[in-house]
């Protein structure tokens, strides 16, 4: 991005650059650690959560485009927790018509 890969200053500049990501999705629980971003969406039923998650992804995608950044689709996935007997094959989250993969294990960096 700025020719700072591998430098000490690079991660700091990246964080300053993405610091306003919260404004793209107000009232959403988002966590940043270095270049890793986690978004948490919750609700009363899976359909409403999936609809909200897709709305959040659309807003984030617009923010990424404005910043001239992009999602790494291969590294972007989602998981469902807190629901019993959920068939994740019925949940479709997408970015630019690319369906996100379901992952059983998500590492949340803090």
PDB file of N, CA and C in Angstrom:
ATOM      1  N   UNK A   1       0.831  -1.178   0.000  1.00  0.00           N
ATOM      2  CA  UNK A   1       0.000   0.000   0.000  1.00  0.00           C
ATOM      3  C   UNK A   1       0.876   1.241   0.000  1.00  0.00           C
ATOM      4  N   UNK A   2       1.787   1.376   0.950  1.00  0.00           N
ATOM      5  CA  UNK A   2       2.667   2.542   1.000  1.00  0.00           C
ATOM      6  C   UNK A   2       4.117   2.144   0.848  1.00  0.00           C
ATOM      7  N   UNK A   3       4.376   0.923   0.471  1.00  0.00           N
ATOM      8  CA  UNK A   3       5.750   0.471   0.363  1.00  0.00           C
ATOM      9  C   UNK A   3       6.394   0.275   1.724  1.00  0.00           C
ATOM     10  N   UNK A   4       5.589  -0.081   2.723  1.00  0.00           N
ATOM     11  CA  UNK A   4       6.110  -0.217   4.083  1.00  0.00           C
ATOM     12  C   UNK A   4       6.028  -1.651   4.584  1.00  0.00           C
ATOM     13  N   UNK A   5       5.837  -2.595   3.672  1.00  0.00           N
ATOM     14  CA  UNK A   5       5.713  -3.984   4.091  1.00  0.00           C
ATOM     15  C   UNK A   5       6.970  -4.418   4.831  1.00  0.00           C
ATOM     16  N   UNK A   6       6.769  -5.033   5.989  1.00  0.00           N
ATOM     17  CA  UNK A   6       7.896  -5.505   6.784  1.00  0.00           C
ATOM     18  C   UNK A   6       8.473  -4.447   7.705  1.00  0.00           C
ATOM     19  N   UNK A   7       7.964  -3.246   7.642  1.00  0.00           N
ATOM     20  CA  UNK A   7       8.489  -2.189   8.493  1.00  0.00           C
ATOM     21  C   UNK A   7       7.707  -2.119   9.795  1.00  0.00           C
ATOM     22  N   UNK A   8       8.255  -1.412  10.748  1.00  0.00           N
ATOM     23  CA  UNK A   8       7.560  -1.182  12.008  1.00  0.00           C
ATOM     24  C   UNK A   8       6.435  -0.176  11.806  1.00  0.00           C
ATOM     25  N   UNK A   9       6.631   0.765  10.928  1.00  0.00           N
ATOM     26  CA  UNK A   9       5.658   1.820  10.681  1.00  0.00           C
ATOM     27  C   UNK A   9       4.457   1.340   9.875  1.00  0.00           C
ATOM     28  N   UNK A  10       4.623   0.314   9.046  1.00  0.00           N
ATOM     29  CA  UNK A  10       3.563  -0.189   8.176  1.00  0.00           C
ATOM     30  C   UNK A  10       2.268  -0.515   8.897  1.00  0.00           C
ATOM     31  N   UNK A  11       2.307  -1.372   9.935  1.00  0.00           N
ATOM     32  CA  UNK A  11       1.056  -1.696  10.640  1.00  0.00           C
ATOM     33  C   UNK A  11       0.394  -0.478  11.268  1.00  0.00           C
ATOM     34  N   UNK A  12       1.178   0.446  11.785  1.00  0.00           N
ATOM     35  CA  UNK A  12       0.614   1.654  12.381  1.00  0.00           C
ATOM     36  C   UNK A  12      -0.085   2.497  11.321  1.00  0.00           C
ATOM     37  N   UNK A  13       0.540   2.666  10.170  1.00  0.00           N
ATOM     38  CA  UNK A  13      -0.080   3.434   9.092  1.00  0.00           C
ATOM     39  C   UNK A  13      -1.362   2.765   8.606  1.00  0.00           C
ATOM     40  N   UNK A  14      -1.354   1.432   8.526  1.00  0.00           N
ATOM     41  CA  UNK A  14      -2.556   0.719   8.118  1.00  0.00           C
ATOM     42  C   UNK A  14      -3.685   0.966   9.106  1.00  0.00           C
ATOM     43  N   UNK A  15      -3.390   0.878  10.401  1.00  0.00           N
ATOM     44  CA  UNK A  15      -4.415   1.098  11.413  1.00  0.00           C
ATOM     45  C   UNK A  15      -4.973   2.521  11.354  1.00  0.00           C
ATOM     46  N   UNK A  16      -4.112   3.486  11.120  1.00  0.00           N
ATOM     47  CA  UNK A  16      -4.579   4.868  10.985  1.00  0.00           C
ATOM     48  C   UNK A  16      -5.485   4.984   9.754  1.00  0.00           C
ATOM     49  N   UNK A  17      -5.125   4.287   8.686  1.00  0.00           N
ATOM     50  CA  UNK A  17      -5.888   4.344   7.437  1.00  0.00           C
ATOM     51  C   UNK A  17      -7.283   3.749   7.603  1.00  0.00           C
ATOM     52  N   UNK A  18      -7.405   2.665   8.379  1.00  0.00           N
ATOM     53  CA  UNK A  18      -8.696   1.985   8.523  1.00  0.00           C
ATOM     54  C   UNK A  18      -9.424   2.354   9.812  1.00  0.00           C
ATOM     55  N   UNK A  19      -8.916   3.317  10.539  1.00  0.00           N
ATOM     56  CA  UNK A  19      -9.457   3.668  11.848  1.00  0.00           C
ATOM     57  C   UNK A  19     -10.930   4.084  11.810  1.00  0.00           C
ATOM     58  N   UNK A  20     -11.412   4.583  10.695  1.00  0.00           N
ATOM     59  CA  UNK A  20     -12.803   5.031  10.633  1.00  0.00           C
ATOM     60  C   UNK A  20     -13.766   3.960  10.108  1.00  0.00           C
ATOM     61  N   UNK A  21     -13.338   2.728  10.058  1.00  0.00           N
ATOM     62  CA  UNK A  21     -14.198   1.637   9.584  1.00  0.00           C
ATOM     63  C   UNK A  21     -15.468   1.534  10.420  1.00  0.00           C
ATOM     64  N   UNK A  22     -15.395   1.942  11.659  1.00  0.00           N
ATOM     65  CA  UNK A  22     -16.566   1.923  12.537  1.00  0.00           C
ATOM     66  C   UNK A  22     -17.694   2.793  11.988  1.00  0.00           C
ATOM     67  N   UNK A  23     -17.342   3.855  11.297  1.00  0.00           N
ATOM     68  CA  UNK A  23     -18.359   4.744  10.746  1.00  0.00           C
ATOM     69  C   UNK A  23     -19.142   4.086   9.612  1.00  0.00           C
ATOM     70  N   UNK A  24     -18.541   3.109   8.959  1.00  0.00           N
ATOM     71  CA  UNK A  24     -19.208   2.424   7.850  1.00  0.00           C
ATOM     72  C   UNK A  24     -20.357   1.562   8.336  1.00  0.00           C
ATOM     73  N   UNK A  25     -20.226   1.026   9.553  1.00  0.00           N
ATOM     74  CA  UNK A  25     -21.265   0.143  10.093  1.00  0.00           C
ATOM     75  C   UNK A  25     -21.552   0.506  11.545  1.00  0.00           C
ATOM     76  N   UNK A  26     -22.162   1.663  11.756  1.00  0.00           N
ATOM     77  CA  UNK A  26     -22.456   2.078  13.134  1.00  0.00           C
ATOM     78  C   UNK A  26     -23.382   1.069  13.818  1.00  0.00           C
ATOM     79  N   UNK A  27     -23.256   0.996  15.122  1.00  0.00           N
ATOM     80  CA  UNK A  27     -24.079   0.096  15.937  1.00  0.00           C
ATOM     81  C   UNK A  27     -23.841  -1.378  15.629  1.00  0.00           C
ATOM     82  N   UNK A  28     -22.673  -1.701  15.105  1.00  0.00           N
ATOM     83  CA  UNK A  28     -22.284  -3.083  14.842  1.00  0.00           C
ATOM     84  C   UNK A  28     -21.014  -3.365  15.616  1.00  0.00           C
ATOM     85  N   UNK A  29     -20.929  -4.546  16.191  1.00  0.00           N
ATOM     86  CA  UNK A  29     -19.749  -4.940  16.957  1.00  0.00           C
ATOM     87  C   UNK A  29     -18.652  -5.368  15.993  1.00  0.00           C
ATOM     88  N   UNK A  30     -17.609  -4.565  15.884  1.00  0.00           N
ATOM     89  CA  UNK A  30     -16.490  -4.844  14.989  1.00  0.00           C
ATOM     90  C   UNK A  30     -15.209  -4.811  15.799  1.00  0.00           C
ATOM     91  N   UNK A  31     -14.324  -5.744  15.521  1.00  0.00           N
ATOM     92  CA  UNK A  31     -13.038  -5.829  16.227  1.00  0.00           C
ATOM     93  C   UNK A  31     -11.917  -5.847  15.213  1.00  0.00           C
ATOM     94  N   UNK A  32     -10.917  -5.006  15.457  1.00  0.00           N
ATOM     95  CA  UNK A  32      -9.742  -4.930  14.590  1.00  0.00           C
ATOM     96  C   UNK A  32      -8.499  -5.371  15.352  1.00  0.00           C
ATOM     97  N   UNK A  33      -7.666  -6.135  14.679  1.00  0.00           N
ATOM     98  CA  UNK A  33      -6.351  -6.470  15.211  1.00  0.00           C
ATOM     99  C   UNK A  33      -5.423  -6.559  14.017  1.00  0.00           C
ATOM    100  N   UNK A  34      -4.482  -5.629  13.927  1.00  0.00           N
ATOM    101  CA  UNK A  34      -3.587  -5.527  12.772  1.00  0.00           C
ATOM    102  C   UNK A  34      -4.463  -5.456  11.512  1.00  0.00           C
ATOM    103  N   UNK A  35      -4.297  -6.399  10.578  1.00  0.00           N
ATOM    104  CA  UNK A  35      -5.105  -6.364   9.359  1.00  0.00           C
ATOM    105  C   UNK A  35      -6.247  -7.383   9.407  1.00  0.00           C
ATOM    106  N   UNK A  36      -6.575  -7.860  10.604  1.00  0.00           N
ATOM    107  CA  UNK A  36      -7.649  -8.827  10.789  1.00  0.00           C
ATOM    108  C   UNK A  36      -8.881  -8.100  11.317  1.00  0.00           C
ATOM    109  N   UNK A  37     -10.021  -8.330  10.686  1.00  0.00           N
ATOM    110  CA  UNK A  37     -11.258  -7.677  11.082  1.00  0.00           C
ATOM    111  C   UNK A  37     -12.317  -8.733  11.367  1.00  0.00           C
ATOM    112  N   UNK A  38     -12.977  -8.610  12.494  1.00  0.00           N
ATOM    113  CA  UNK A  38     -14.080  -9.496  12.849  1.00  0.00           C
ATOM    114  C   UNK A  38     -15.320  -8.654  13.086  1.00  0.00           C
ATOM    115  N   UNK A  39     -16.439  -9.084  12.517  1.00  0.00           N
ATOM    116  CA  UNK A  39     -17.715  -8.409  12.703  1.00  0.00           C
ATOM    117  C   UNK A  39     -18.670  -9.414  13.330  1.00  0.00           C
ATOM    118  N   UNK A  40     -19.377  -8.976  14.358  1.00  0.00           N
ATOM    119  CA  UNK A  40     -20.313  -9.833  15.064  1.00  0.00           C
ATOM    120  C   UNK A  40     -21.719  -9.307  14.866  1.00  0.00           C
ATOM    121  N   UNK A  41     -22.603 -10.160  14.364  1.00  0.00           N
ATOM    122  CA  UNK A  41     -23.996  -9.805  14.131  1.00  0.00           C
ATOM    123  C   UNK A  41     -24.831 -10.805  14.909  1.00  0.00           C
ATOM    124  N   UNK A  42     -25.820 -10.303  15.624  1.00  0.00           N
ATOM    125  CA  UNK A  42     -26.679 -11.218  16.370  1.00  0.00           C
ATOM    126  C   UNK A  42     -28.135 -10.812  16.202  1.00  0.00           C
ATOM    127  N   UNK A  43     -29.000 -11.744  16.538  1.00  0.00           N
ATOM    128  CA  UNK A  43     -30.423 -11.496  16.419  1.00  0.00           C
ATOM    129  C   UNK A  43     -31.226 -12.660  16.942  1.00  0.00           C
ATOM    130  N   UNK A  44     -32.523 -12.568  16.772  1.00  0.00           N
ATOM    131  CA  UNK A  44     -33.429 -13.568  17.334  1.00  0.00           C
ATOM    132  C   UNK A  44     -33.567 -14.814  16.476  1.00  0.00           C
ATOM    133  N   UNK A  45     -33.372 -14.679  15.158  1.00  0.00           N
ATOM    134  CA  UNK A  45     -33.444 -15.871  14.308  1.00  0.00           C
ATOM    135  C   UNK A  45     -32.417 -15.780  13.195  1.00  0.00           C
ATOM    136  N   UNK A  46     -32.107 -16.926  12.639  1.00  0.00           N
ATOM    137  CA  UNK A  46     -31.029 -17.011  11.661  1.00  0.00           C
ATOM    138  C   UNK A  46     -31.304 -16.200  10.399  1.00  0.00           C
ATOM    139  N   UNK A  47     -32.548 -16.156   9.961  1.00  0.00           N
ATOM    140  CA  UNK A  47     -32.872 -15.389   8.755  1.00  0.00           C
ATOM    141  C   UNK A  47     -32.600 -13.902   8.948  1.00  0.00           C
ATOM    142  N   UNK A  48     -32.985 -13.357  10.098  1.00  0.00           N
ATOM    143  CA  UNK A  48     -32.763 -11.924  10.338  1.00  0.00           C
ATOM    144  C   UNK A  48     -31.272 -11.626  10.508  1.00  0.00           C
ATOM    145  N   UNK A  49     -30.549 -12.552  11.121  1.00  0.00           N
ATOM    146  CA  UNK A  49     -29.106 -12.360  11.284  1.00  0.00           C
ATOM    147  C   UNK A  49     -28.413 -12.396   9.923  1.00  0.00           C
ATOM    148  N   UNK A  50     -28.801 -13.331   9.079  1.00  0.00           N
ATOM    149  CA  UNK A  50     -28.193 -13.419   7.746  1.00  0.00           C
ATOM    150  C   UNK A  50     -28.498 -12.163   6.933  1.00  0.00           C
ATOM    151  N   UNK A  51     -29.728 -11.656   7.011  1.00  0.00           N
ATOM    152  CA  UNK A  51     -30.083 -10.429   6.287  1.00  0.00           C
ATOM    153  C   UNK A  51     -29.265  -9.245   6.802  1.00  0.00           C
ATOM    154  N   UNK A  52     -29.133  -9.133   8.132  1.00  0.00           N
ATOM    155  CA  UNK A  52     -28.337  -8.045   8.711  1.00  0.00           C
ATOM    156  C   UNK A  52     -26.863  -8.188   8.330  1.00  0.00           C
ATOM    157  N   UNK A  53     -26.346  -9.406   8.362  1.00  0.00           N
ATOM    158  CA  UNK A  53     -24.942  -9.639   8.003  1.00  0.00           C
ATOM    159  C   UNK A  53     -24.685  -9.246   6.555  1.00  0.00           C
ATOM    160  N   UNK A  54     -25.598  -9.574   5.650  1.00  0.00           N
ATOM    161  CA  UNK A  54     -25.428  -9.172   4.253  1.00  0.00           C
ATOM    162  C   UNK A  54     -25.501  -7.663   4.088  1.00  0.00           C
ATOM    163  N   UNK A  55     -26.351  -6.995   4.863  1.00  0.00           N
ATOM    164  CA  UNK A  55     -26.409  -5.533   4.821  1.00  0.00           C
ATOM    165  C   UNK A  55     -25.099  -4.932   5.319  1.00  0.00           C
ATOM    166  N   UNK A  56     -24.541  -5.513   6.384  1.00  0.00           N
ATOM    167  CA  UNK A  56     -23.256  -5.052   6.920  1.00  0.00           C
ATOM    168  C   UNK A  56     -22.156  -5.269   5.893  1.00  0.00           C
ATOM    169  N   UNK A  57     -22.159  -6.421   5.243  1.00  0.00           N
ATOM    170  CA  UNK A  57     -21.132  -6.703   4.231  1.00  0.00           C
ATOM    171  C   UNK A  57     -21.213  -5.726   3.066  1.00  0.00           C
ATOM    172  N   UNK A  58     -22.415  -5.347   2.671  1.00  0.00           N
ATOM    173  CA  UNK A  58     -22.578  -4.367   1.594  1.00  0.00           C
ATOM    174  C   UNK A  58     -22.000  -3.016   2.008  1.00  0.00           C
ATOM    175  N   UNK A  59     -22.302  -2.580   3.224  1.00  0.00           N
ATOM    176  CA  UNK A  59     -21.754  -1.311   3.717  1.00  0.00           C
ATOM    177  C   UNK A  59     -20.238  -1.371   3.816  1.00  0.00           C
ATOM    178  N   UNK A  60     -19.723  -2.489   4.318  1.00  0.00           N
ATOM    179  CA  UNK A  60     -18.266  -2.630   4.411  1.00  0.00           C
ATOM    180  C   UNK A  60     -17.621  -2.641   3.033  1.00  0.00           C
ATOM    181  N   UNK A  61     -18.245  -3.317   2.091  1.00  0.00           N
ATOM    182  CA  UNK A  61     -17.692  -3.349   0.743  1.00  0.00           C
ATOM    183  C   UNK A  61     -17.635  -1.954   0.149  1.00  0.00           C
ATOM    184  N   UNK A  62     -18.683  -1.157   0.349  1.00  0.00           N
ATOM    185  CA  UNK A  62     -18.673   0.227  -0.139  1.00  0.00           C
ATOM    186  C   UNK A  62     -17.566   1.036   0.514  1.00  0.00           C
ATOM    187  N   UNK A  63     -17.354   0.820   1.815  1.00  0.00           N
ATOM    188  CA  UNK A  63     -16.284   1.520   2.527  1.00  0.00           C
ATOM    189  C   UNK A  63     -14.925   1.092   1.977  1.00  0.00           C
ATOM    190  N   UNK A  64     -14.747  -0.221   1.760  1.00  0.00           N
ATOM    191  CA  UNK A  64     -13.490  -0.725   1.205  1.00  0.00           C
ATOM    192  C   UNK A  64     -13.227  -0.114  -0.165  1.00  0.00           C
ATOM    193  N   UNK A  65     -14.259  -0.058  -1.011  1.00  0.00           N
ATOM    194  CA  UNK A  65     -14.084   0.526  -2.340  1.00  0.00           C
ATOM    195  C   UNK A  65     -13.688   1.989  -2.253  1.00  0.00           C
ATOM    196  N   UNK A  66     -14.301   2.733  -1.341  1.00  0.00           N
ATOM    197  CA  UNK A  66     -13.964   4.155  -1.173  1.00  0.00           C
ATOM    198  C   UNK A  66     -12.517   4.329  -0.724  1.00  0.00           C
ATOM    199  N   UNK A  67     -12.007   3.373   0.044  1.00  0.00           N
ATOM    200  CA  UNK A  67     -10.623   3.426   0.532  1.00  0.00           C
ATOM    201  C   UNK A  67      -9.637   2.778  -0.434  1.00  0.00           C
ATOM    202  N   UNK A  68     -10.163   2.271  -1.556  1.00  0.00           N
ATOM    203  CA  UNK A  68      -9.349   1.560  -2.543  1.00  0.00           C
ATOM    204  C   UNK A  68      -8.715   0.301  -1.940  1.00  0.00           C
ATOM    205  N   UNK A  69      -9.503  -0.360  -1.094  1.00  0.00           N
ATOM    206  CA  UNK A  69      -9.106  -1.631  -0.491  1.00  0.00           C
ATOM    207  C   UNK A  69     -10.051  -2.699  -1.024  1.00  0.00           C
ATOM    208  N   UNK A  70      -9.752  -3.944  -0.740  1.00  0.00           N
ATOM    209  CA  UNK A  70     -10.655  -5.016  -1.158  1.00  0.00           C
ATOM    210  C   UNK A  70     -10.663  -6.122  -0.112  1.00  0.00           C
ATOM    211  N   UNK A  71     -11.761  -6.865  -0.100  1.00  0.00           N
ATOM    212  CA  UNK A  71     -11.852  -8.046   0.748  1.00  0.00           C
ATOM    213  C   UNK A  71     -10.965  -9.125   0.156  1.00  0.00           C
ATOM    214  N   UNK A  72     -10.372  -9.898   1.002  1.00  0.00           N
ATOM    215  CA  UNK A  72      -9.701 -11.108   0.547  1.00  0.00           C
ATOM    216  C   UNK A  72     -10.743 -12.217   0.660  1.00  0.00           C
ATOM    217  N   UNK A  73     -11.459 -12.470  -0.415  1.00  0.00           N
ATOM    218  CA  UNK A  73     -12.575 -13.411  -0.403  1.00  0.00           C
ATOM    219  C   UNK A  73     -12.121 -14.781   0.091  1.00  0.00           C
ATOM    220  N   UNK A  74     -10.940 -15.219  -0.310  1.00  0.00           N
ATOM    221  CA  UNK A  74     -10.444 -16.536   0.104  1.00  0.00           C
ATOM    222  C   UNK A  74     -10.224 -16.622   1.609  1.00  0.00           C
ATOM    223  N   UNK A  75      -9.963 -15.493   2.248  1.00  0.00           N
ATOM    224  CA  UNK A  75      -9.698 -15.485   3.688  1.00  0.00           C
ATOM    225  C   UNK A  75     -10.912 -15.044   4.504  1.00  0.00           C
ATOM    226  N   UNK A  76     -11.991 -14.688   3.822  1.00  0.00           N
ATOM    227  CA  UNK A  76     -13.181 -14.201   4.507  1.00  0.00           C
ATOM    228  C   UNK A  76     -14.175 -15.343   4.652  1.00  0.00           C
ATOM    229  N   UNK A  77     -14.613 -15.564   5.876  1.00  0.00           N
ATOM    230  CA  UNK A  77     -15.572 -16.641   6.134  1.00  0.00           C
ATOM    231  C   UNK A  77     -16.478 -16.226   7.282  1.00  0.00           C
ATOM    232  N   UNK A  78     -17.447 -17.060   7.574  1.00  0.00           N
ATOM    233  CA  UNK A  78     -18.337 -16.773   8.688  1.00  0.00           C
ATOM    234  C   UNK A  78     -18.635 -18.053   9.452  1.00  0.00           C
ATOM    235  N   UNK A  79     -19.069 -17.872  10.673  1.00  0.00           N
ATOM    236  CA  UNK A  79     -19.513 -19.008  11.475  1.00  0.00           C
ATOM    237  C   UNK A  79     -20.782 -18.598  12.213  1.00  0.00           C
ATOM    238  N   UNK A  80     -21.536 -19.584  12.595  1.00  0.00           N
ATOM    239  CA  UNK A  80     -22.768 -19.364  13.334  1.00  0.00           C
ATOM    240  C   UNK A  80     -22.586 -19.989  14.701  1.00  0.00           C
ATOM    241  N   UNK A  81     -22.880 -19.212  15.726  1.00  0.00           N
ATOM    242  CA  UNK A  81     -22.764 -19.757  17.081  1.00  0.00           C
ATOM    243  C   UNK A  81     -24.009 -19.390  17.876  1.00  0.00           C
ATOM    244  N   UNK A  82     -24.245 -20.147  18.910  1.00  0.00           N
ATOM    245  CA  UNK A  82     -25.359 -19.861  19.790  1.00  0.00           C
ATOM    246  C   UNK A  82     -26.685 -20.439  19.326  1.00  0.00           C
ATOM    247  N   UNK A  83     -26.676 -21.136  18.206  1.00  0.00           N
ATOM    248  CA  UNK A  83     -27.906 -21.748  17.696  1.00  0.00           C
ATOM    249  C   UNK A  83     -27.726 -23.262  17.699  1.00  0.00           C
ATOM    250  N   UNK A  84     -28.774 -23.948  18.075  1.00  0.00           N
ATOM    251  CA  UNK A  84     -28.734 -25.405  18.068  1.00  0.00           C
ATOM    252  C   UNK A  84     -29.311 -25.922  16.757  1.00  0.00           C
ATOM    253  N   UNK A  85     -28.708 -26.982  16.251  1.00  0.00           N
ATOM    254  CA  UNK A  85     -29.203 -27.665  15.056  1.00  0.00           C
ATOM    255  C   UNK A  85     -29.386 -26.724  13.874  1.00  0.00           C
ATOM    256  N   UNK A  86     -28.383 -25.911  13.620  1.00  0.00           N
ATOM    257  CA  UNK A  86     -28.448 -24.969  12.506  1.00  0.00           C
ATOM    258  C   UNK A  86     -27.836 -25.612  11.272  1.00  0.00           C
ATOM    259  N   UNK A  87     -28.569 -25.543  10.182  1.00  0.00           N
ATOM    260  CA  UNK A  87     -28.056 -26.021   8.903  1.00  0.00           C
ATOM    261  C   UNK A  87     -27.424 -24.828   8.195  1.00  0.00           C
ATOM    262  N   UNK A  88     -26.097 -24.713   8.297  1.00  0.00           N
ATOM    263  CA  UNK A  88     -25.412 -23.549   7.711  1.00  0.00           C
ATOM    264  C   UNK A  88     -25.449 -23.575   6.186  1.00  0.00           C
ATOM    265  N   UNK A  89     -25.885 -24.697   5.590  1.00  0.00           N
ATOM    266  CA  UNK A  89     -26.023 -24.733   4.133  1.00  0.00           C
ATOM    267  C   UNK A  89     -27.161 -23.839   3.655  1.00  0.00           C
ATOM    268  N   UNK A  90     -27.999 -23.398   4.576  1.00  0.00           N
ATOM    269  CA  UNK A  90     -29.117 -22.525   4.203  1.00  0.00           C
ATOM    270  C   UNK A  90     -28.779 -21.046   4.414  1.00  0.00           C
ATOM    271  N   UNK A  91     -27.568 -20.763   4.893  1.00  0.00           N
ATOM    272  CA  UNK A  91     -27.147 -19.388   5.148  1.00  0.00           C
ATOM    273  C   UNK A  91     -26.236 -18.941   4.013  1.00  0.00           C
ATOM    274  N   UNK A  92     -26.598 -17.848   3.363  1.00  0.00           N
ATOM    275  CA  UNK A  92     -25.798 -17.335   2.261  1.00  0.00           C
ATOM    276  C   UNK A  92     -25.383 -15.899   2.569  1.00  0.00           C
ATOM    277  N   UNK A  93     -24.096 -15.732   2.789  1.00  0.00           N
ATOM    278  CA  UNK A  93     -23.529 -14.399   2.943  1.00  0.00           C
ATOM    279  C   UNK A  93     -22.640 -14.162   1.741  1.00  0.00           C
ATOM    280  N   UNK A  94     -22.710 -12.956   1.189  1.00  0.00           N
ATOM    281  CA  UNK A  94     -21.913 -12.726  -0.012  1.00  0.00           C
ATOM    282  C   UNK A  94     -21.364 -11.316  -0.077  1.00  0.00           C
ATOM    283  N   UNK A  95     -20.292 -11.227  -0.822  1.00  0.00           N
ATOM    284  CA  UNK A  95     -19.644  -9.956  -1.132  1.00  0.00           C
ATOM    285  C   UNK A  95     -19.470  -9.928  -2.647  1.00  0.00           C
ATOM    286  N   UNK A  96     -20.059  -8.943  -3.298  1.00  0.00           N
ATOM    287  CA  UNK A  96     -19.962  -8.829  -4.757  1.00  0.00           C
ATOM    288  C   UNK A  96     -20.311 -10.132  -5.463  1.00  0.00           C
ATOM    289  N   UNK A  97     -21.388 -10.754  -5.039  1.00  0.00           N
ATOM    290  CA  UNK A  97     -21.876 -12.008  -5.618  1.00  0.00           C
ATOM    291  C   UNK A  97     -20.932 -13.191  -5.424  1.00  0.00           C
ATOM    292  N   UNK A  98     -20.012 -13.081  -4.486  1.00  0.00           N
ATOM    293  CA  UNK A  98     -19.160 -14.209  -4.099  1.00  0.00           C
ATOM    294  C   UNK A  98     -19.642 -14.704  -2.749  1.00  0.00           C
ATOM    295  N   UNK A  99     -20.103 -15.939  -2.700  1.00  0.00           N
ATOM    296  CA  UNK A  99     -20.578 -16.498  -1.434  1.00  0.00           C
ATOM    297  C   UNK A  99     -19.406 -16.764  -0.503  1.00  0.00           C
ATOM    298  N   UNK A 100     -19.582 -16.391   0.741  1.00  0.00           N
ATOM    299  CA  UNK A 100     -18.553 -16.644   1.743  1.00  0.00           C
ATOM    300  C   UNK A 100     -18.645 -18.087   2.221  1.00  0.00           C
ATOM    301  N   UNK A 101     -17.503 -18.648   2.555  1.00  0.00           N
ATOM    302  CA  UNK A 101     -17.447 -20.004   3.081  1.00  0.00           C
ATOM    303  C   UNK A 101     -17.809 -20.015   4.556  1.00  0.00           C
ATOM    304  N   UNK A 102     -18.401 -21.095   4.973  1.00  0.00           N
ATOM    305  CA  UNK A 102     -18.654 -21.328   6.386  1.00  0.00           C
ATOM    306  C   UNK A 102     -17.393 -21.938   6.971  1.00  0.00           C
ATOM    307  N   UNK A 103     -17.001 -21.474   8.138  1.00  0.00           N
ATOM    308  CA  UNK A 103     -15.852 -22.081   8.809  1.00  0.00           C
ATOM    309  C   UNK A 103     -16.290 -22.531  10.202  1.00  0.00           C
ATOM    310  N   UNK A 104     -15.811 -23.698  10.573  1.00  0.00           N
ATOM    311  CA  UNK A 104     -16.170 -24.261  11.878  1.00  0.00           C
ATOM    312  C   UNK A 104     -15.422 -23.583  13.009  1.00  0.00           C
ATOM    313  N   UNK A 105     -14.224 -23.117  12.721  1.00  0.00           N
ATOM    314  CA  UNK A 105     -13.373 -22.522  13.741  1.00  0.00           C
ATOM    315  C   UNK A 105     -12.928 -21.153  13.281  1.00  0.00           C
ATOM    316  N   UNK A 106     -13.127 -20.164  14.123  1.00  0.00           N
ATOM    317  CA  UNK A 106     -12.717 -18.797  13.800  1.00  0.00           C
ATOM    318  C   UNK A 106     -11.736 -18.338  14.867  1.00  0.00           C
ATOM    319  N   UNK A 107     -10.581 -17.871  14.428  1.00  0.00           N
ATOM    320  CA  UNK A 107      -9.611 -17.308  15.364  1.00  0.00           C
ATOM    321  C   UNK A 107      -9.899 -15.827  15.525  1.00  0.00           C
ATOM    322  N   UNK A 108     -10.146 -15.436  16.752  1.00  0.00           N
ATOM    323  CA  UNK A 108     -10.381 -14.024  17.043  1.00  0.00           C
ATOM    324  C   UNK A 108      -9.146 -13.489  17.736  1.00  0.00           C
ATOM    325  N   UNK A 109      -8.435 -12.646  17.033  1.00  0.00           N
ATOM    326  CA  UNK A 109      -7.196 -12.094  17.568  1.00  0.00           C
ATOM    327  C   UNK A 109      -7.510 -10.893  18.443  1.00  0.00           C
ATOM    328  N   UNK A 110      -6.862 -10.823  19.581  1.00  0.00           N
ATOM    329  CA  UNK A 110      -7.055  -9.683  20.472  1.00  0.00           C
ATOM    330  C   UNK A 110      -5.726  -9.146  20.940  1.00  0.00           C
TER     331      UNK A 110
END
